[in-house]
């Protein structure tokens, strides 16, 4: 059976479990985030996308990751405080995960198979890599860290249509 995003469970930043089936029928923008990265200001753009499109069915999902330059060293409380006070993040944030290697979260392993990167590589290269998942729970596209949230608007609008 081919899996969809809705077949996975993840942990929320507060430690509670989230079944992704609660987002069935939504468009998901899944991002591995970090607080001390050159791309961290993208939080502002991600929040802007969420506020623009949440009523139409977009859910931005932040997954802190400390695998790239140890740029997310904080605890869940540190991350929540930073996101809230620095960028007024209101989109769902999840527990810190590994996105590459043996310990990669199964949801991320599935995302990478669904949308390999350049030259077919599955590895995520850096923080703020993004995956767009359609309302059917299947991966639509993968975007590099350098793709700004604003640069995703047309693809998000197509997915929401």
C-alpha atoms as a PDB file:
ATOM      1  CA  UNK A   1       0.000   0.000   0.000  1.00  0.00           C
ATOM      2  CA  UNK A   2       1.361   3.406  -0.942  1.00  0.00           C
ATOM      3  CA  UNK A   3       1.563   5.636   2.069  1.00  0.00           C
ATOM      4  CA  UNK A   4       0.343   9.193   2.258  1.00  0.00           C
ATOM      5  CA  UNK A   5       1.302  11.908   4.714  1.00  0.00           C
ATOM      6  CA  UNK A   6      -1.800  10.971   6.690  1.00  0.00           C
ATOM      7  CA  UNK A   7      -0.303   7.588   7.622  1.00  0.00           C
ATOM      8  CA  UNK A   8       2.311   9.159   9.902  1.00  0.00           C
ATOM      9  CA  UNK A   9       2.393  10.369  13.477  1.00  0.00           C
ATOM     10  CA  UNK A  10       4.776  13.009  14.737  1.00  0.00           C
ATOM     11  CA  UNK A  11       5.417  14.648  18.069  1.00  0.00           C
ATOM     12  CA  UNK A  12       4.334  18.245  18.651  1.00  0.00           C
ATOM     13  CA  UNK A  13       6.764  20.705  20.187  1.00  0.00           C
ATOM     14  CA  UNK A  14       4.857  20.358  23.482  1.00  0.00           C
ATOM     15  CA  UNK A  15       5.526  16.592  23.453  1.00  0.00           C
ATOM     16  CA  UNK A  16       2.000  15.460  22.568  1.00  0.00           C
ATOM     17  CA  UNK A  17       1.446  13.118  19.644  1.00  0.00           C
ATOM     18  CA  UNK A  18      -0.062  14.379  16.404  1.00  0.00           C
ATOM     19  CA  UNK A  19      -1.571  12.013  13.846  1.00  0.00           C
ATOM     20  CA  UNK A  20      -1.134  13.683  10.478  1.00  0.00           C
ATOM     21  CA  UNK A  21      -4.544  12.297   9.513  1.00  0.00           C
ATOM     22  CA  UNK A  22      -5.927  15.316  11.411  1.00  0.00           C
ATOM     23  CA  UNK A  23      -4.683  17.364   8.430  1.00  0.00           C
ATOM     24  CA  UNK A  24      -6.452  15.205   5.818  1.00  0.00           C
ATOM     25  CA  UNK A  25      -7.628  17.324   2.875  1.00  0.00           C
ATOM     26  CA  UNK A  26      -5.197  20.161   3.651  1.00  0.00           C
ATOM     27  CA  UNK A  27      -2.164  21.278   1.653  1.00  0.00           C
ATOM     28  CA  UNK A  28       0.957  20.871   3.788  1.00  0.00           C
ATOM     29  CA  UNK A  29       4.171  22.874   3.556  1.00  0.00           C
ATOM     30  CA  UNK A  30       6.714  20.906   5.588  1.00  0.00           C
ATOM     31  CA  UNK A  31       9.935  22.722   6.533  1.00  0.00           C
ATOM     32  CA  UNK A  32      12.970  21.701   8.587  1.00  0.00           C
ATOM     33  CA  UNK A  33      13.695  24.828  10.593  1.00  0.00           C
ATOM     34  CA  UNK A  34      16.495  26.175  12.800  1.00  0.00           C
ATOM     35  CA  UNK A  35      16.835  29.217  15.055  1.00  0.00           C
ATOM     36  CA  UNK A  36      20.467  30.101  14.351  1.00  0.00           C
ATOM     37  CA  UNK A  37      20.690  29.757  10.562  1.00  0.00           C
ATOM     38  CA  UNK A  38      21.212  32.309   7.815  1.00  0.00           C
ATOM     39  CA  UNK A  39      17.800  31.225   6.494  1.00  0.00           C
ATOM     40  CA  UNK A  40      16.053  31.701   9.875  1.00  0.00           C
ATOM     41  CA  UNK A  41      14.402  34.976   8.713  1.00  0.00           C
ATOM     42  CA  UNK A  42      12.301  32.738   6.415  1.00  0.00           C
ATOM     43  CA  UNK A  43      10.135  32.158   9.496  1.00  0.00           C
ATOM     44  CA  UNK A  44       8.626  35.559   8.703  1.00  0.00           C
ATOM     45  CA  UNK A  45       7.706  34.508   5.155  1.00  0.00           C
ATOM     46  CA  UNK A  46       6.421  31.115   6.275  1.00  0.00           C
ATOM     47  CA  UNK A  47       4.151  32.803   8.815  1.00  0.00           C
ATOM     48  CA  UNK A  48       2.947  35.217   6.102  1.00  0.00           C
ATOM     49  CA  UNK A  49       2.059  32.255   3.840  1.00  0.00           C
ATOM     50  CA  UNK A  50       0.240  30.549   6.696  1.00  0.00           C
ATOM     51  CA  UNK A  51      -1.770  33.668   7.521  1.00  0.00           C
ATOM     52  CA  UNK A  52      -2.581  34.250   3.819  1.00  0.00           C
ATOM     53  CA  UNK A  53      -3.723  30.721   3.010  1.00  0.00           C
ATOM     54  CA  UNK A  54      -4.743  28.898   6.198  1.00  0.00           C
ATOM     55  CA  UNK A  55      -8.413  29.693   5.579  1.00  0.00           C
ATOM     56  CA  UNK A  56      -8.096  28.020   2.175  1.00  0.00           C
ATOM     57  CA  UNK A  57      -6.488  24.893   3.632  1.00  0.00           C
ATOM     58  CA  UNK A  58      -2.721  25.475   3.891  1.00  0.00           C
ATOM     59  CA  UNK A  59      -0.889  24.189   6.955  1.00  0.00           C
ATOM     60  CA  UNK A  60       2.762  25.195   7.372  1.00  0.00           C
ATOM     61  CA  UNK A  61       4.561  22.626   9.545  1.00  0.00           C
ATOM     62  CA  UNK A  62       7.865  23.462  11.217  1.00  0.00           C
ATOM     63  CA  UNK A  63      10.215  20.637  12.185  1.00  0.00           C
ATOM     64  CA  UNK A  64      13.268  21.879  14.102  1.00  0.00           C
ATOM     65  CA  UNK A  65      16.453  20.057  13.132  1.00  0.00           C
ATOM     66  CA  UNK A  66      19.957  20.294  14.607  1.00  0.00           C
ATOM     67  CA  UNK A  67      21.737  18.281  11.883  1.00  0.00           C
ATOM     68  CA  UNK A  68      23.129  21.230   9.928  1.00  0.00           C
ATOM     69  CA  UNK A  69      25.850  23.193  11.690  1.00  0.00           C
ATOM     70  CA  UNK A  70      24.188  22.537  15.080  1.00  0.00           C
ATOM     71  CA  UNK A  71      21.965  25.549  14.322  1.00  0.00           C
ATOM     72  CA  UNK A  72      19.024  24.351  16.434  1.00  0.00           C
ATOM     73  CA  UNK A  73      20.666  23.520  19.787  1.00  0.00           C
ATOM     74  CA  UNK A  74      17.816  24.609  22.058  1.00  0.00           C
ATOM     75  CA  UNK A  75      15.203  22.681  23.996  1.00  0.00           C
ATOM     76  CA  UNK A  76      11.575  22.523  22.895  1.00  0.00           C
ATOM     77  CA  UNK A  77      10.859  25.397  25.312  1.00  0.00           C
ATOM     78  CA  UNK A  78      13.714  27.473  23.829  1.00  0.00           C
ATOM     79  CA  UNK A  79      12.453  26.851  20.291  1.00  0.00           C
ATOM     80  CA  UNK A  80       8.844  27.693  21.191  1.00  0.00           C
ATOM     81  CA  UNK A  81       9.927  30.905  22.912  1.00  0.00           C
ATOM     82  CA  UNK A  82      12.161  31.959  20.036  1.00  0.00           C
ATOM     83  CA  UNK A  83       9.487  31.312  17.391  1.00  0.00           C
ATOM     84  CA  UNK A  84       6.809  33.094  19.376  1.00  0.00           C
ATOM     85  CA  UNK A  85       8.749  36.173  20.468  1.00  0.00           C
ATOM     86  CA  UNK A  86      10.996  36.682  17.431  1.00  0.00           C
ATOM     87  CA  UNK A  87       8.660  35.780  14.548  1.00  0.00           C
ATOM     88  CA  UNK A  88       5.186  35.505  16.132  1.00  0.00           C
ATOM     89  CA  UNK A  89       4.854  31.998  14.662  1.00  0.00           C
ATOM     90  CA  UNK A  90       1.318  30.625  14.851  1.00  0.00           C
ATOM     91  CA  UNK A  91       1.689  27.654  12.480  1.00  0.00           C
ATOM     92  CA  UNK A  92       2.154  24.191  14.021  1.00  0.00           C
ATOM     93  CA  UNK A  93       5.631  23.414  15.312  1.00  0.00           C
ATOM     94  CA  UNK A  94       6.786  19.888  15.979  1.00  0.00           C
ATOM     95  CA  UNK A  95       9.479  18.219  18.048  1.00  0.00           C
ATOM     96  CA  UNK A  96      13.084  18.331  16.897  1.00  0.00           C
ATOM     97  CA  UNK A  97      13.810  15.578  14.350  1.00  0.00           C
ATOM     98  CA  UNK A  98      16.633  14.190  12.286  1.00  0.00           C
ATOM     99  CA  UNK A  99      15.907  14.504   8.565  1.00  0.00           C
ATOM    100  CA  UNK A 100      18.929  12.573   7.271  1.00  0.00           C
ATOM    101  CA  UNK A 101      20.793   9.414   8.214  1.00  0.00           C
ATOM    102  CA  UNK A 102      19.880   6.290  10.164  1.00  0.00           C
ATOM    103  CA  UNK A 103      17.826   8.237  12.684  1.00  0.00           C
ATOM    104  CA  UNK A 104      15.793  10.196  10.126  1.00  0.00           C
ATOM    105  CA  UNK A 105      12.150  10.473  11.143  1.00  0.00           C
ATOM    106  CA  UNK A 106      10.009   8.077   9.038  1.00  0.00           C
ATOM    107  CA  UNK A 107       7.886  11.006   7.809  1.00  0.00           C
ATOM    108  CA  UNK A 108      11.020  12.696   6.448  1.00  0.00           C
ATOM    109  CA  UNK A 109      12.276   9.450   4.897  1.00  0.00           C
ATOM    110  CA  UNK A 110       8.917   9.222   3.100  1.00  0.00           C
ATOM    111  CA  UNK A 111       8.999  12.882   1.992  1.00  0.00           C
ATOM    112  CA  UNK A 112      12.504  12.489   0.521  1.00  0.00           C
ATOM    113  CA  UNK A 113      11.499   9.372  -1.432  1.00  0.00           C
ATOM    114  CA  UNK A 114       8.457  11.219  -2.782  1.00  0.00           C
ATOM    115  CA  UNK A 115      10.523  14.164  -4.027  1.00  0.00           C
ATOM    116  CA  UNK A 116      14.236  13.456  -4.396  1.00  0.00           C
ATOM    117  CA  UNK A 117      16.569  16.411  -4.651  1.00  0.00           C
ATOM    118  CA  UNK A 118      18.996  17.336  -7.404  1.00  0.00           C
ATOM    119  CA  UNK A 119      20.555  14.434  -9.288  1.00  0.00           C
ATOM    120  CA  UNK A 120      18.116  12.112  -7.529  1.00  0.00           C
ATOM    121  CA  UNK A 121      19.761  12.439  -4.133  1.00  0.00           C
ATOM    122  CA  UNK A 122      17.405  12.002  -1.196  1.00  0.00           C
ATOM    123  CA  UNK A 123      19.541  13.766   1.413  1.00  0.00           C
ATOM    124  CA  UNK A 124      18.390  17.150   2.606  1.00  0.00           C
ATOM    125  CA  UNK A 125      21.215  19.612   2.153  1.00  0.00           C
ATOM    126  CA  UNK A 126      20.419  22.288   4.761  1.00  0.00           C
ATOM    127  CA  UNK A 127      17.877  23.931   7.060  1.00  0.00           C
ATOM    128  CA  UNK A 128      14.697  25.384   5.537  1.00  0.00           C
ATOM    129  CA  UNK A 129      14.330  22.745   2.837  1.00  0.00           C
ATOM    130  CA  UNK A 130      10.638  22.586   1.981  1.00  0.00           C
ATOM    131  CA  UNK A 131       8.174  19.941   0.810  1.00  0.00           C
ATOM    132  CA  UNK A 132       4.722  20.702  -0.572  1.00  0.00           C
ATOM    133  CA  UNK A 133       2.137  17.955   0.010  1.00  0.00           C
ATOM    134  CA  UNK A 134      -1.194  18.007  -1.835  1.00  0.00           C
ATOM    135  CA  UNK A 135      -4.664  17.554  -0.408  1.00  0.00           C
ATOM    136  CA  UNK A 136      -4.415  13.858  -1.364  1.00  0.00           C
ATOM    137  CA  UNK A 137      -1.475  13.432   1.038  1.00  0.00           C
ATOM    138  CA  UNK A 138       1.104  12.911  -1.724  1.00  0.00           C
ATOM    139  CA  UNK A 139       4.304  14.892  -2.170  1.00  0.00           C
ATOM    140  CA  UNK A 140       3.977  17.478  -4.939  1.00  0.00           C
ATOM    141  CA  UNK A 141       7.387  19.134  -4.853  1.00  0.00           C
ATOM    142  CA  UNK A 142      10.595  19.790  -2.970  1.00  0.00           C
ATOM    143  CA  UNK A 143      12.315  23.161  -2.681  1.00  0.00           C
ATOM    144  CA  UNK A 144      15.829  24.148  -1.671  1.00  0.00           C
ATOM    145  CA  UNK A 145      16.642  26.327   1.325  1.00  0.00           C
ATOM    146  CA  UNK A 146      17.329  29.186  -1.071  1.00  0.00           C
ATOM    147  CA  UNK A 147      13.713  29.139  -2.338  1.00  0.00           C
ATOM    148  CA  UNK A 148      11.966  31.849  -0.365  1.00  0.00           C
ATOM    149  CA  UNK A 149       8.494  31.291   1.063  1.00  0.00           C
ATOM    150  CA  UNK A 150       7.238  34.086  -1.234  1.00  0.00           C
ATOM    151  CA  UNK A 151       8.587  32.090  -4.194  1.00  0.00           C
ATOM    152  CA  UNK A 152       6.175  29.245  -3.337  1.00  0.00           C
ATOM    153  CA  UNK A 153       2.957  31.251  -3.693  1.00  0.00           C
ATOM    154  CA  UNK A 154       2.061  30.140  -7.235  1.00  0.00           C
ATOM    155  CA  UNK A 155       2.633  26.439  -6.428  1.00  0.00           C
ATOM    156  CA  UNK A 156       0.632  26.778  -3.200  1.00  0.00           C
ATOM    157  CA  UNK A 157      -2.231  28.463  -5.047  1.00  0.00           C
ATOM    158  CA  UNK A 158      -2.266  25.648  -7.632  1.00  0.00           C
ATOM    159  CA  UNK A 159      -2.306  23.032  -4.857  1.00  0.00           C
ATOM    160  CA  UNK A 160      -5.146  24.835  -3.063  1.00  0.00           C
ATOM    161  CA  UNK A 161      -7.254  25.245  -6.230  1.00  0.00           C
END
